[in-house]
Every structure is written in C-alpha cells, then in structure tokens.
C-alpha cells in the first residue's frame, strides 16, 4: 500500500483478516533507497535499504504469545 508520505509492506495470511503478520512502514524519504523486499513467510519480512556505503538489511518477525495452562 502506497500513501502520500509512506509505503506499507505487509506479510501475513492470504485472507483479508491480516492476522499474525508483520511488516514495515517506509517513509517516502527512503523509498528510493529500498533495493529489495521479500516476504519470507507469514511471520517474517525482510527488506534491504541501500545507504551511502553499504546495504542495510532489516528483518521483522512476529512471535506468537503462548499461554501455559
């Protein structure tokens, strides 16, 4: 989803419920530096941002909170 000031990259279930996913809000200032984005699965998302002298890889994960009974 791309808006005026940001872009939202999301990884989750294929249904429209958007449960158990993860993602990134990317500012429009760094959208041009976004060189790669990969939803690994419904709980892991990876992006690569090119900065002045190197590539920065950011990983977002979702770990469920299990209750012990």
PDB file of N, CA and C in Angstrom:
ATOM      1  N   UNK A   1       0.837  -1.154   0.000  1.00  0.00           N
ATOM      2  CA  UNK A   1       0.000   0.000   0.000  1.00  0.00           C
ATOM      3  C   UNK A   1       0.896   1.235   0.000  1.00  0.00           C
ATOM      4  N   UNK A   2       0.672   2.129  -0.914  1.00  0.00           N
ATOM      5  CA  UNK A   2       1.465   3.351  -1.009  1.00  0.00           C
ATOM      6  C   UNK A   2       0.558   4.549  -0.738  1.00  0.00           C
ATOM      7  N   UNK A   3       0.934   5.362   0.217  1.00  0.00           N
ATOM      8  CA  UNK A   3       0.235   6.602   0.545  1.00  0.00           C
ATOM      9  C   UNK A   3       1.143   7.768   0.189  1.00  0.00           C
ATOM     10  N   UNK A   4       0.710   8.970   0.511  1.00  0.00           N
ATOM     11  CA  UNK A   4       1.472  10.160   0.139  1.00  0.00           C
ATOM     12  C   UNK A   4       2.846  10.217   0.815  1.00  0.00           C
ATOM     13  N   UNK A   5       2.902   9.921   2.108  1.00  0.00           N
ATOM     14  CA  UNK A   5       4.150  10.081   2.848  1.00  0.00           C
ATOM     15  C   UNK A   5       4.819   8.774   3.259  1.00  0.00           C
ATOM     16  N   UNK A   6       4.186   7.643   2.978  1.00  0.00           N
ATOM     17  CA  UNK A   6       4.773   6.384   3.385  1.00  0.00           C
ATOM     18  C   UNK A   6       4.281   5.247   2.495  1.00  0.00           C
ATOM     19  N   UNK A   7       4.967   4.108   2.625  1.00  0.00           N
ATOM     20  CA  UNK A   7       4.572   2.874   1.962  1.00  0.00           C
ATOM     21  C   UNK A   7       4.516   1.795   3.039  1.00  0.00           C
ATOM     22  N   UNK A   8       3.508   0.946   2.992  1.00  0.00           N
ATOM     23  CA  UNK A   8       3.362  -0.133   3.960  1.00  0.00           C
ATOM     24  C   UNK A   8       3.585  -1.453   3.251  1.00  0.00           C
ATOM     25  N   UNK A   9       4.585  -2.222   3.701  1.00  0.00           N
ATOM     26  CA  UNK A   9       4.880  -3.547   3.180  1.00  0.00           C
ATOM     27  C   UNK A   9       4.436  -4.545   4.234  1.00  0.00           C
ATOM     28  N   UNK A  10       3.611  -5.524   3.853  1.00  0.00           N
ATOM     29  CA  UNK A  10       2.999  -6.425   4.813  1.00  0.00           C
ATOM     30  C   UNK A  10       3.136  -7.872   4.366  1.00  0.00           C
ATOM     31  N   UNK A  11       3.374  -8.744   5.328  1.00  0.00           N
ATOM     32  CA  UNK A  11       3.398 -10.180   5.075  1.00  0.00           C
ATOM     33  C   UNK A  11       2.488 -10.834   6.099  1.00  0.00           C
ATOM     34  N   UNK A  12       1.558 -11.651   5.650  1.00  0.00           N
ATOM     35  CA  UNK A  12       0.631 -12.296   6.574  1.00  0.00           C
ATOM     36  C   UNK A  12      -0.184 -13.345   5.857  1.00  0.00           C
ATOM     37  N   UNK A  13      -1.280 -13.748   6.497  1.00  0.00           N
ATOM     38  CA  UNK A  13      -2.178 -14.723   5.878  1.00  0.00           C
ATOM     39  C   UNK A  13      -2.729 -14.181   4.575  1.00  0.00           C
ATOM     40  N   UNK A  14      -3.087 -15.074   3.677  1.00  0.00           N
ATOM     41  CA  UNK A  14      -3.614 -14.658   2.389  1.00  0.00           C
ATOM     42  C   UNK A  14      -5.059 -14.158   2.487  1.00  0.00           C
ATOM     43  N   UNK A  15      -5.715 -14.381   3.620  1.00  0.00           N
ATOM     44  CA  UNK A  15      -7.075 -13.878   3.792  1.00  0.00           C
ATOM     45  C   UNK A  15      -7.039 -12.369   4.029  1.00  0.00           C
ATOM     46  N   UNK A  16      -8.193 -11.752   4.021  1.00  0.00           N
ATOM     47  CA  UNK A  16      -8.275 -10.306   4.230  1.00  0.00           C
ATOM     48  C   UNK A  16      -8.278  -9.922   5.706  1.00  0.00           C
ATOM     49  N   UNK A  17      -8.076 -10.880   6.591  1.00  0.00           N
ATOM     50  CA  UNK A  17      -8.156 -10.600   8.021  1.00  0.00           C
ATOM     51  C   UNK A  17      -6.884  -9.953   8.560  1.00  0.00           C
ATOM     52  N   UNK A  18      -5.762 -10.082   7.892  1.00  0.00           N
ATOM     53  CA  UNK A  18      -4.471  -9.502   8.304  1.00  0.00           C
ATOM     54  C   UNK A  18      -4.107  -9.913   9.730  1.00  0.00           C
ATOM     55  N   UNK A  19      -4.128 -11.220   9.995  1.00  0.00           N
ATOM     56  CA  UNK A  19      -3.747 -11.736  11.301  1.00  0.00           C
ATOM     57  C   UNK A  19      -2.348 -12.325  11.254  1.00  0.00           C
ATOM     58  N   UNK A  20      -1.646 -12.217  12.357  1.00  0.00           N
ATOM     59  CA  UNK A  20      -0.353 -12.864  12.578  1.00  0.00           C
ATOM     60  C   UNK A  20       0.699 -12.461  11.554  1.00  0.00           C
ATOM     61  N   UNK A  21       0.617 -11.313  11.010  1.00  0.00           N
ATOM     62  CA  UNK A  21       1.583 -10.870  10.022  1.00  0.00           C
ATOM     63  C   UNK A  21       2.585  -9.902  10.615  1.00  0.00           C
ATOM     64  N   UNK A  22       3.458  -9.454   9.779  1.00  0.00           N
ATOM     65  CA  UNK A  22       4.448  -8.461  10.164  1.00  0.00           C
ATOM     66  C   UNK A  22       4.734  -7.579   8.961  1.00  0.00           C
ATOM     67  N   UNK A  23       5.344  -6.452   9.188  1.00  0.00           N
ATOM     68  CA  UNK A  23       5.599  -5.568   8.058  1.00  0.00           C
ATOM     69  C   UNK A  23       6.416  -4.348   8.444  1.00  0.00           C
ATOM     70  N   UNK A  24       6.503  -3.425   7.485  1.00  0.00           N
ATOM     71  CA  UNK A  24       7.287  -2.207   7.650  1.00  0.00           C
ATOM     72  C   UNK A  24       6.494  -1.013   7.127  1.00  0.00           C
ATOM     73  N   UNK A  25       6.589   0.110   7.822  1.00  0.00           N
ATOM     74  CA  UNK A  25       6.179   1.391   7.288  1.00  0.00           C
ATOM     75  C   UNK A  25       7.445   2.067   6.784  1.00  0.00           C
ATOM     76  N   UNK A  26       7.490   2.397   5.514  1.00  0.00           N
ATOM     77  CA  UNK A  26       8.670   3.002   4.902  1.00  0.00           C
ATOM     78  C   UNK A  26       8.357   4.462   4.590  1.00  0.00           C
ATOM     79  N   UNK A  27       9.165   5.357   5.113  1.00  0.00           N
ATOM     80  CA  UNK A  27       8.997   6.786   4.842  1.00  0.00           C
ATOM     81  C   UNK A  27       9.278   7.078   3.376  1.00  0.00           C
ATOM     82  N   UNK A  28       8.614   8.075   2.841  1.00  0.00           N
ATOM     83  CA  UNK A  28       8.828   8.430   1.432  1.00  0.00           C
ATOM     84  C   UNK A  28      10.255   8.900   1.190  1.00  0.00           C
ATOM     85  N   UNK A  29      10.939   9.344   2.230  1.00  0.00           N
ATOM     86  CA  UNK A  29      12.318   9.817   2.094  1.00  0.00           C
ATOM     87  C   UNK A  29      13.290   8.680   1.778  1.00  0.00           C
ATOM     88  N   UNK A  30      12.952   7.460   2.164  1.00  0.00           N
ATOM     89  CA  UNK A  30      13.859   6.350   1.874  1.00  0.00           C
ATOM     90  C   UNK A  30      13.285   5.353   0.873  1.00  0.00           C
ATOM     91  N   UNK A  31      12.130   5.646   0.308  1.00  0.00           N
ATOM     92  CA  UNK A  31      11.544   4.735  -0.685  1.00  0.00           C
ATOM     93  C   UNK A  31      12.481   4.490  -1.864  1.00  0.00           C
ATOM     94  N   UNK A  32      13.183   5.514  -2.302  1.00  0.00           N
ATOM     95  CA  UNK A  32      14.111   5.366  -3.434  1.00  0.00           C
ATOM     96  C   UNK A  32      15.323   4.515  -3.080  1.00  0.00           C
ATOM     97  N   UNK A  33      15.630   4.392  -1.794  1.00  0.00           N
ATOM     98  CA  UNK A  33      16.771   3.587  -1.354  1.00  0.00           C
ATOM     99  C   UNK A  33      16.401   2.145  -1.061  1.00  0.00           C
ATOM    100  N   UNK A  34      15.133   1.817  -1.154  1.00  0.00           N
ATOM    101  CA  UNK A  34      14.687   0.453  -0.922  1.00  0.00           C
ATOM    102  C   UNK A  34      15.078  -0.393  -2.126  1.00  0.00           C
ATOM    103  N   UNK A  35      16.029  -1.311  -1.934  1.00  0.00           N
ATOM    104  CA  UNK A  35      16.525  -2.074  -3.074  1.00  0.00           C
ATOM    105  C   UNK A  35      15.905  -3.464  -3.190  1.00  0.00           C
ATOM    106  N   UNK A  36      15.376  -4.008  -2.074  1.00  0.00           N
ATOM    107  CA  UNK A  36      14.790  -5.345  -2.135  1.00  0.00           C
ATOM    108  C   UNK A  36      13.824  -5.504  -0.972  1.00  0.00           C
ATOM    109  N   UNK A  37      12.734  -6.213  -1.204  1.00  0.00           N
ATOM    110  CA  UNK A  37      11.839  -6.579  -0.118  1.00  0.00           C
ATOM    111  C   UNK A  37      11.312  -7.970  -0.386  1.00  0.00           C
ATOM    112  N   UNK A  38      11.277  -8.785   0.659  1.00  0.00           N
ATOM    113  CA  UNK A  38      10.923 -10.193   0.489  1.00  0.00           C
ATOM    114  C   UNK A  38      10.094 -10.673   1.670  1.00  0.00           C
ATOM    115  N   UNK A  39       8.832 -11.015   1.436  1.00  0.00           N
ATOM    116  CA  UNK A  39       8.076 -11.681   2.495  1.00  0.00           C
ATOM    117  C   UNK A  39       8.493 -13.158   2.541  1.00  0.00           C
ATOM    118  N   UNK A  40       9.233 -13.541   3.553  1.00  0.00           N
ATOM    119  CA  UNK A  40       9.750 -14.907   3.666  1.00  0.00           C
ATOM    120  C   UNK A  40       8.601 -15.874   3.932  1.00  0.00           C
ATOM    121  N   UNK A  41       7.763 -15.564   4.902  1.00  0.00           N
ATOM    122  CA  UNK A  41       6.530 -16.298   5.160  1.00  0.00           C
ATOM    123  C   UNK A  41       5.581 -15.360   5.891  1.00  0.00           C
ATOM    124  N   UNK A  42       4.507 -15.885   6.478  1.00  0.00           N
ATOM    125  CA  UNK A  42       3.516 -15.010   7.093  1.00  0.00           C
ATOM    126  C   UNK A  42       4.010 -14.351   8.372  1.00  0.00           C
ATOM    127  N   UNK A  43       5.149 -14.773   8.899  1.00  0.00           N
ATOM    128  CA  UNK A  43       5.666 -14.203  10.143  1.00  0.00           C
ATOM    129  C   UNK A  43       7.032 -13.551  10.018  1.00  0.00           C
ATOM    130  N   UNK A  44       7.620 -13.557   8.852  1.00  0.00           N
ATOM    131  CA  UNK A  44       8.947 -12.963   8.653  1.00  0.00           C
ATOM    132  C   UNK A  44       8.930 -12.115   7.381  1.00  0.00           C
ATOM    133  N   UNK A  45       9.447 -10.894   7.480  1.00  0.00           N
ATOM    134  CA  UNK A  45       9.556  -9.998   6.331  1.00  0.00           C
ATOM    135  C   UNK A  45      10.944  -9.378   6.339  1.00  0.00           C
ATOM    136  N   UNK A  46      11.584  -9.311   5.188  1.00  0.00           N
ATOM    137  CA  UNK A  46      12.949  -8.802   5.085  1.00  0.00           C
ATOM    138  C   UNK A  46      12.995  -7.698   4.035  1.00  0.00           C
ATOM    139  N   UNK A  47      13.650  -6.590   4.364  1.00  0.00           N
ATOM    140  CA  UNK A  47      13.874  -5.530   3.373  1.00  0.00           C
ATOM    141  C   UNK A  47      15.360  -5.181   3.353  1.00  0.00           C
ATOM    142  N   UNK A  48      15.808  -4.647   2.214  1.00  0.00           N
ATOM    143  CA  UNK A  48      17.181  -4.177   2.071  1.00  0.00           C
ATOM    144  C   UNK A  48      17.138  -2.720   1.637  1.00  0.00           C
ATOM    145  N   UNK A  49      17.839  -1.885   2.391  1.00  0.00           N
ATOM    146  CA  UNK A  49      17.905  -0.455   2.119  1.00  0.00           C
ATOM    147  C   UNK A  49      19.346  -0.111   1.770  1.00  0.00           C
ATOM    148  N   UNK A  50      19.540   0.536   0.642  1.00  0.00           N
ATOM    149  CA  UNK A  50      20.875   0.966   0.229  1.00  0.00           C
ATOM    150  C   UNK A  50      21.172   2.315   0.855  1.00  0.00           C
ATOM    151  N   UNK A  51      22.240   2.358   1.638  1.00  0.00           N
ATOM    152  CA  UNK A  51      22.692   3.618   2.226  1.00  0.00           C
ATOM    153  C   UNK A  51      24.032   3.976   1.608  1.00  0.00           C
ATOM    154  N   UNK A  52      24.649   5.016   2.067  1.00  0.00           N
ATOM    155  CA  UNK A  52      25.783   5.602   1.359  1.00  0.00           C
ATOM    156  C   UNK A  52      26.870   4.593   0.960  1.00  0.00           C
ATOM    157  N   UNK A  53      27.362   3.791   1.891  1.00  0.00           N
ATOM    158  CA  UNK A  53      28.471   2.896   1.574  1.00  0.00           C
ATOM    159  C   UNK A  53      28.162   1.410   1.768  1.00  0.00           C
ATOM    160  N   UNK A  54      26.940   1.072   2.127  1.00  0.00           N
ATOM    161  CA  UNK A  54      26.622  -0.324   2.391  1.00  0.00           C
ATOM    162  C   UNK A  54      25.124  -0.573   2.234  1.00  0.00           C
ATOM    163  N   UNK A  55      24.741  -1.838   2.304  1.00  0.00           N
ATOM    164  CA  UNK A  55      23.335  -2.237   2.288  1.00  0.00           C
ATOM    165  C   UNK A  55      22.923  -2.610   3.705  1.00  0.00           C
ATOM    166  N   UNK A  56      21.792  -2.114   4.117  1.00  0.00           N
ATOM    167  CA  UNK A  56      21.249  -2.384   5.436  1.00  0.00           C
ATOM    168  C   UNK A  56      20.088  -3.355   5.272  1.00  0.00           C
ATOM    169  N   UNK A  57      20.149  -4.499   5.942  1.00  0.00           N
ATOM    170  CA  UNK A  57      19.076  -5.483   5.880  1.00  0.00           C
ATOM    171  C   UNK A  57      18.321  -5.449   7.203  1.00  0.00           C
ATOM    172  N   UNK A  58      17.011  -5.251   7.106  1.00  0.00           N
ATOM    173  CA  UNK A  58      16.142  -5.212   8.279  1.00  0.00           C
ATOM    174  C   UNK A  58      15.177  -6.389   8.215  1.00  0.00           C
ATOM    175  N   UNK A  59      15.019  -7.060   9.331  1.00  0.00           N
ATOM    176  CA  UNK A  59      14.130  -8.222   9.400  1.00  0.00           C
ATOM    177  C   UNK A  59      13.087  -7.954  10.475  1.00  0.00           C
ATOM    178  N   UNK A  60      11.829  -8.157  10.119  1.00  0.00           N
ATOM    179  CA  UNK A  60      10.729  -8.011  11.059  1.00  0.00           C
ATOM    180  C   UNK A  60      10.093  -9.384  11.264  1.00  0.00           C
ATOM    181  N   UNK A  61       9.890  -9.758  12.526  1.00  0.00           N
ATOM    182  CA  UNK A  61       9.315 -11.063  12.817  1.00  0.00           C
ATOM    183  C   UNK A  61       8.129 -10.920  13.764  1.00  0.00           C
ATOM    184  N   UNK A  62       7.255 -11.897  13.718  1.00  0.00           N
ATOM    185  CA  UNK A  62       6.123 -11.974  14.632  1.00  0.00           C
ATOM    186  C   UNK A  62       6.233 -13.296  15.374  1.00  0.00           C
ATOM    187  N   UNK A  63       6.341 -13.235  16.696  1.00  0.00           N
ATOM    188  CA  UNK A  63       6.381 -14.439  17.516  1.00  0.00           C
ATOM    189  C   UNK A  63       5.109 -14.468  18.356  1.00  0.00           C
ATOM    190  N   UNK A  64       4.306 -15.505  18.230  1.00  0.00           N
ATOM    191  CA  UNK A  64       3.064 -15.544  18.994  1.00  0.00           C
ATOM    192  C   UNK A  64       3.315 -15.690  20.484  1.00  0.00           C
ATOM    193  N   UNK A  65       2.389 -15.192  21.262  1.00  0.00           N
ATOM    194  CA  UNK A  65       2.459 -15.274  22.712  1.00  0.00           C
ATOM    195  C   UNK A  65       1.622 -16.476  23.139  1.00  0.00           C
ATOM    196  N   UNK A  66       2.273 -17.530  23.582  1.00  0.00           N
ATOM    197  CA  UNK A  66       1.577 -18.737  24.006  1.00  0.00           C
ATOM    198  C   UNK A  66       1.310 -18.682  25.501  1.00  0.00           C
ATOM    199  N   UNK A  67       0.128 -19.083  25.885  1.00  0.00           N
ATOM    200  CA  UNK A  67      -0.213 -19.143  27.300  1.00  0.00           C
ATOM    201  C   UNK A  67      -0.044 -20.577  27.798  1.00  0.00           C
ATOM    202  N   UNK A  68       0.576 -20.707  28.926  1.00  0.00           N
ATOM    203  CA  UNK A  68       0.725 -22.016  29.564  1.00  0.00           C
ATOM    204  C   UNK A  68      -0.530 -22.264  30.399  1.00  0.00           C
ATOM    205  N   UNK A  69      -1.070 -23.454  30.295  1.00  0.00           N
ATOM    206  CA  UNK A  69      -2.281 -23.776  31.077  1.00  0.00           C
ATOM    207  C   UNK A  69      -1.928 -24.621  32.256  1.00  0.00           C
TER     208      UNK A  69
END
